N, C-alpha and C. Protein backbone atom coordinates (compact mmCIF):
# COMPACT_ATOMS: atom_id res chain seq x y z
N MET A 1 -3.81 -6.55 38.60
CA MET A 1 -3.39 -5.84 37.50
C MET A 1 -3.95 -4.35 37.34
N GLY A 2 -3.17 -3.35 37.40
CA GLY A 2 -3.83 -2.06 37.32
C GLY A 2 -4.43 -1.60 36.22
N SER A 3 -5.46 -0.39 36.55
CA SER A 3 -6.31 -0.25 35.18
C SER A 3 -5.62 0.49 34.17
N GLY A 4 -4.39 0.91 34.34
CA GLY A 4 -3.70 1.72 33.41
C GLY A 4 -3.13 0.69 32.27
N ILE A 5 -2.66 -0.27 32.97
CA ILE A 5 -2.02 -1.41 31.88
C ILE A 5 -3.17 -2.15 30.92
N LYS A 6 -4.47 -2.05 31.75
CA LYS A 6 -5.72 -2.71 30.90
C LYS A 6 -6.08 -1.61 29.92
N GLU A 7 -6.11 -0.33 30.00
CA GLU A 7 -6.27 0.63 29.16
C GLU A 7 -5.16 0.65 28.00
N ILE A 8 -4.06 0.42 28.17
CA ILE A 8 -2.94 0.28 27.26
C ILE A 8 -3.20 -1.03 26.27
N LEU A 9 -3.55 -2.01 27.11
CA LEU A 9 -3.89 -3.36 26.21
C LEU A 9 -4.93 -3.05 25.22
N SER A 10 -5.98 -2.14 25.64
CA SER A 10 -7.10 -1.95 24.79
C SER A 10 -6.58 -1.05 23.75
N GLU A 11 -5.59 -0.32 23.94
CA GLU A 11 -5.22 0.81 22.97
C GLU A 11 -4.41 0.08 21.90
N ILE A 12 -3.57 -1.08 22.14
CA ILE A 12 -2.64 -1.61 21.16
C ILE A 12 -3.17 -2.89 20.51
N VAL A 13 -4.06 -3.67 21.22
CA VAL A 13 -4.58 -4.78 20.83
C VAL A 13 -4.87 -5.05 19.19
N ASP A 14 -5.78 -4.25 18.68
CA ASP A 14 -5.99 -4.13 17.33
C ASP A 14 -4.87 -3.84 16.30
N LEU A 15 -4.13 -2.79 16.87
CA LEU A 15 -2.84 -2.30 16.22
C LEU A 15 -1.76 -3.47 16.13
N TRP A 16 -1.41 -4.09 17.14
CA TRP A 16 -0.39 -5.18 17.29
C TRP A 16 -0.84 -6.54 16.60
N MET A 17 -2.02 -6.59 16.85
CA MET A 17 -2.66 -8.01 16.21
C MET A 17 -2.62 -8.07 14.62
N ASP A 18 -2.46 -6.76 13.97
CA ASP A 18 -2.27 -6.77 12.61
C ASP A 18 -1.02 -7.00 12.15
N ILE A 19 0.10 -7.06 12.96
CA ILE A 19 1.59 -7.30 12.63
C ILE A 19 1.69 -8.82 12.24
N ASN A 20 2.08 -9.13 11.00
CA ASN A 20 2.35 -10.54 10.61
C ASN A 20 3.35 -11.15 11.74
N GLY A 21 2.49 -12.34 12.03
CA GLY A 21 3.16 -13.34 13.02
C GLY A 21 2.74 -13.08 14.41
N VAL A 22 2.11 -11.99 14.67
CA VAL A 22 1.71 -11.95 16.10
C VAL A 22 0.23 -12.87 16.21
N ASN A 23 0.13 -13.56 17.13
CA ASN A 23 -0.99 -14.41 17.50
C ASN A 23 -1.68 -14.19 18.74
N GLY A 24 -1.16 -13.27 19.57
CA GLY A 24 -1.95 -13.12 20.61
C GLY A 24 -1.30 -11.89 21.51
N ILE A 25 -2.14 -11.21 22.39
CA ILE A 25 -1.70 -10.27 23.27
C ILE A 25 -2.25 -10.49 24.67
N ALA A 26 -1.63 -10.27 25.56
CA ALA A 26 -2.28 -10.47 27.02
C ALA A 26 -1.52 -9.65 28.15
N LEU A 27 -2.21 -9.71 29.19
CA LEU A 27 -1.40 -9.09 30.54
C LEU A 27 -0.82 -9.99 31.21
N SER A 28 0.42 -9.85 31.71
CA SER A 28 1.25 -10.83 32.37
C SER A 28 1.73 -10.18 33.54
N GLN A 29 2.83 -10.84 34.13
CA GLN A 29 3.64 -10.10 35.13
C GLN A 29 5.01 -10.93 35.00
N LYS A 30 6.04 -10.04 35.23
CA LYS A 30 7.46 -10.41 35.29
C LYS A 30 8.12 -10.09 36.30
N ASP A 31 8.49 -11.12 37.25
CA ASP A 31 9.25 -10.74 38.59
C ASP A 31 8.15 -9.85 39.43
N GLY A 32 6.94 -10.05 39.41
CA GLY A 32 5.80 -9.57 40.04
C GLY A 32 5.52 -8.13 39.75
N VAL A 33 6.00 -7.63 38.41
CA VAL A 33 5.72 -6.30 37.78
C VAL A 33 4.68 -6.57 36.50
N ASP A 34 3.63 -5.96 36.52
CA ASP A 34 2.78 -5.99 35.32
C ASP A 34 3.50 -5.69 34.04
N CYS A 35 3.57 -6.51 32.97
CA CYS A 35 3.84 -6.20 31.63
C CYS A 35 2.81 -6.78 30.67
N LEU A 36 3.19 -6.54 29.37
CA LEU A 36 2.47 -6.92 28.34
C LEU A 36 2.95 -8.15 27.65
N LEU A 37 2.27 -9.05 27.37
CA LEU A 37 2.89 -10.39 26.71
C LEU A 37 2.29 -10.62 25.31
N VAL A 38 3.33 -10.56 24.31
CA VAL A 38 2.86 -10.70 22.97
C VAL A 38 3.45 -12.15 22.51
N THR A 39 2.33 -13.03 22.08
CA THR A 39 2.88 -14.29 21.54
C THR A 39 2.79 -14.18 20.09
N VAL A 40 3.91 -14.84 19.36
CA VAL A 40 4.25 -14.66 17.97
C VAL A 40 4.47 -16.12 17.50
N ASP A 41 4.34 -16.38 16.25
CA ASP A 41 4.37 -17.77 15.55
C ASP A 41 6.13 -17.97 15.56
N THR A 42 6.48 -17.12 15.01
CA THR A 42 8.14 -17.12 15.09
C THR A 42 8.51 -15.73 15.42
N LEU A 43 9.82 -15.92 16.30
CA LEU A 43 10.32 -14.44 16.69
C LEU A 43 11.33 -14.21 15.64
N THR A 44 10.94 -13.10 14.69
CA THR A 44 11.74 -12.82 13.70
C THR A 44 12.43 -11.48 14.00
N PRO A 45 13.33 -10.99 13.40
CA PRO A 45 13.89 -9.58 13.47
C PRO A 45 13.02 -8.69 13.20
N GLU A 46 11.96 -8.79 12.23
CA GLU A 46 10.94 -7.72 11.89
C GLU A 46 9.93 -7.68 13.17
N VAL A 47 9.60 -8.73 13.77
CA VAL A 47 8.70 -8.50 14.95
C VAL A 47 9.53 -7.87 15.99
N GLU A 48 10.62 -8.28 16.21
CA GLU A 48 11.64 -7.53 17.21
C GLU A 48 11.75 -5.97 17.01
N LYS A 49 11.79 -5.73 15.74
CA LYS A 49 11.93 -4.28 15.37
C LYS A 49 10.61 -3.50 15.40
N THR A 50 9.51 -4.27 15.17
CA THR A 50 8.20 -3.39 15.14
C THR A 50 7.57 -3.36 16.48
N ILE A 51 7.88 -4.24 17.41
CA ILE A 51 7.18 -4.24 18.75
C ILE A 51 8.23 -3.83 19.86
N PRO A 52 7.88 -2.67 20.42
CA PRO A 52 9.00 -2.19 21.30
C PRO A 52 9.18 -3.19 22.78
N SER A 53 10.37 -3.16 23.28
CA SER A 53 10.66 -3.88 24.49
C SER A 53 9.84 -3.23 25.84
N VAL A 54 9.59 -1.91 25.65
CA VAL A 54 8.82 -1.04 26.64
C VAL A 54 7.76 -0.23 26.06
N TYR A 55 6.65 -0.29 26.54
CA TYR A 55 5.53 0.67 25.83
C TYR A 55 4.81 1.39 26.96
N LYS A 56 5.07 2.70 27.10
CA LYS A 56 4.15 3.61 27.91
C LYS A 56 4.70 3.24 29.34
N GLY A 57 5.77 2.72 29.56
CA GLY A 57 6.42 2.39 30.79
C GLY A 57 6.19 1.17 31.15
N PHE A 58 5.60 0.19 30.47
CA PHE A 58 5.42 -1.20 30.86
C PHE A 58 6.41 -2.16 29.95
N ALA A 59 6.96 -3.18 30.55
CA ALA A 59 7.71 -4.03 29.78
C ALA A 59 6.79 -4.69 28.73
N VAL A 60 7.48 -5.25 27.66
CA VAL A 60 6.75 -5.91 26.81
C VAL A 60 7.58 -7.38 26.46
N GLU A 61 6.84 -8.58 26.76
CA GLU A 61 7.59 -9.70 26.49
C GLU A 61 7.06 -10.43 25.12
N LEU A 62 8.19 -10.97 24.55
CA LEU A 62 7.72 -11.59 23.29
C LEU A 62 7.89 -12.94 23.62
N LEU A 63 6.98 -13.91 23.16
CA LEU A 63 7.01 -15.25 23.60
C LEU A 63 6.73 -16.05 22.11
N GLU A 64 7.72 -16.83 21.92
CA GLU A 64 7.60 -17.65 20.43
C GLU A 64 6.62 -18.89 20.89
N THR A 65 5.46 -19.05 20.13
CA THR A 65 4.63 -20.11 20.56
C THR A 65 4.29 -20.93 19.34
N GLY A 66 4.94 -20.69 18.05
CA GLY A 66 4.47 -21.47 16.93
C GLY A 66 3.08 -21.02 16.57
N ALA A 67 2.39 -21.64 15.45
CA ALA A 67 1.28 -21.23 15.01
C ALA A 67 0.18 -21.79 16.18
N ILE A 68 -0.84 -21.04 16.17
CA ILE A 68 -2.00 -21.23 17.09
C ILE A 68 -3.22 -21.46 16.14
N ILE A 69 -3.73 -22.65 16.13
CA ILE A 69 -4.86 -22.88 15.19
C ILE A 69 -6.08 -23.49 16.25
N ALA A 70 -7.06 -22.64 16.07
CA ALA A 70 -8.41 -23.22 16.75
C ALA A 70 -9.02 -24.49 16.18
N GLU A 71 -9.41 -25.38 17.07
CA GLU A 71 -10.01 -26.63 16.67
C GLU A 71 -11.47 -26.29 16.50
N GLU A 72 -12.25 -27.23 15.75
CA GLU A 72 -13.64 -27.04 15.76
C GLU A 72 -14.00 -27.74 17.16
N SER A 73 -15.24 -27.14 17.58
CA SER A 73 -15.78 -27.82 18.79
C SER A 73 -16.53 -28.96 18.34
N ARG A 74 -16.83 -29.90 19.29
CA ARG A 74 -17.43 -31.13 19.08
C ARG A 74 -18.83 -31.15 19.60
C-alpha cells in the first residue's frame, strides 16, 4: 500500500466513523489497485449519498456487514 492512501485513511477515519451506520474503515485492494473499504451495518441511501465512490483518486468500496459487536475477553 502506498503512503498516499495511508495518509488519506488517517485524514478521513474520524470523520467517516462519525457517520451513522459506519462500523469500520480500512485499506484494501480491488483488482490489484489500492482502495478504501468502508464497512456499514446496513447499506442505506443516506450512507451511499454521504460517502463518495471515489475520494482523492482512490475508489471507495462499501461493504454491508451487519452490526459488529465486540465480545468480552475471557
